[in-house]
Amino acid sequence: MELEFFSASLINLVINLGYSLIAIVVSVYVLFWVDNKLLKEINIEEELKKGNVAVAIFASAILIFVAIVIAFGFKG
């Protein structure tokens, strides 16, 4: 009985990990696409060095978006 539970848990872990990796890849690809299409003339790193608070908020929102996608991937 314990071996069946362990194997079922291991299979569930692998499936959730696969979903998470797919979600990470897709979200990063979408973020790069949005960055290339919508933000052609804005260099985020340069603006951050200048002290632009709006760009800092935008960059943190992108990181929060990626974190939410990863969390939902792990949640299954």
Protein backbone atom coordinates (compact mmCIF):
# COMPACT_ATOMS: atom_id res chain seq x y z
CA MET A 1 0.00 0.00 0.00
CA GLU A 2 2.79 2.44 0.84
CA LEU A 3 4.57 1.74 -2.44
CA GLU A 4 1.40 2.59 -4.40
CA PHE A 5 1.02 5.85 -2.48
CA PHE A 6 4.67 6.75 -3.06
CA SER A 7 4.50 6.01 -6.78
CA ALA A 8 1.23 7.96 -7.16
CA SER A 9 2.77 10.91 -5.30
CA LEU A 10 5.89 10.75 -7.45
CA ILE A 11 3.85 10.69 -10.66
CA ASN A 12 1.78 13.65 -9.43
CA LEU A 13 4.97 15.55 -8.59
CA VAL A 14 6.43 14.94 -12.05
CA ILE A 15 3.20 16.05 -13.76
CA ASN A 16 3.02 19.25 -11.70
CA LEU A 17 6.68 19.95 -12.34
CA GLY A 18 6.11 19.51 -16.07
CA TYR A 19 3.15 21.91 -16.01
CA SER A 20 5.24 24.41 -14.07
CA LEU A 21 8.12 24.26 -16.53
CA ILE A 22 5.76 24.68 -19.47
CA ALA A 23 4.09 27.64 -17.75
CA ILE A 24 7.48 29.26 -17.06
CA VAL A 25 8.64 28.86 -20.65
CA VAL A 26 5.39 30.21 -22.08
CA SER A 27 5.26 33.18 -19.69
CA VAL A 28 8.88 34.15 -20.36
CA TYR A 29 8.30 33.88 -24.12
CA VAL A 30 5.20 36.09 -23.86
CA LEU A 31 7.09 38.63 -21.76
CA PHE A 32 9.90 38.82 -24.32
CA TRP A 33 7.34 39.17 -27.12
CA VAL A 34 5.55 42.01 -25.30
CA ASP A 35 8.88 43.66 -24.56
CA ASN A 36 9.95 43.49 -28.22
CA LYS A 37 6.61 44.62 -29.66
CA LEU A 38 5.43 47.27 -27.22
CA LEU A 39 8.61 48.58 -25.63
CA LYS A 40 10.94 48.95 -28.62
CA GLU A 41 12.32 52.35 -27.67
CA ILE A 42 12.51 51.89 -23.90
CA ASN A 43 15.63 50.43 -22.32
CA ILE A 44 14.50 49.27 -18.88
CA GLU A 45 18.01 48.93 -17.43
CA GLU A 46 19.01 52.41 -18.56
CA GLU A 47 15.83 53.95 -17.17
CA LEU A 48 16.37 52.18 -13.85
CA LYS A 49 19.88 53.63 -13.63
CA LYS A 50 18.40 57.10 -14.18
CA GLY A 51 16.07 56.52 -11.22
CA ASN A 52 12.79 56.27 -13.12
CA VAL A 53 10.28 55.04 -10.54
CA ALA A 54 7.59 54.19 -13.09
CA VAL A 55 9.91 51.77 -14.89
CA ALA A 56 10.85 50.21 -11.55
CA ILE A 57 7.16 49.64 -10.77
CA PHE A 58 6.61 48.19 -14.24
CA ALA A 59 9.60 45.84 -13.90
CA SER A 60 8.40 44.66 -10.49
CA ALA A 61 4.92 44.04 -11.93
CA ILE A 62 6.50 41.81 -14.58
CA LEU A 63 8.33 39.84 -11.89
CA ILE A 64 5.11 39.48 -9.87
CA PHE A 65 3.34 38.21 -13.00
CA VAL A 66 5.99 35.54 -13.51
CA ALA A 67 5.77 34.57 -9.82
CA ILE A 68 1.98 34.19 -10.07
CA VAL A 69 2.29 32.00 -13.16
CA ILE A 70 4.86 29.81 -11.40
CA ALA A 71 2.66 29.57 -8.27
CA PHE A 72 -0.35 28.45 -10.30
CA GLY A 73 1.86 25.92 -12.05
CA PHE A 74 2.90 24.40 -8.73
CA LYS A 75 -0.65 24.51 -7.38
CA GLY A 76 -1.83 22.28 -10.21
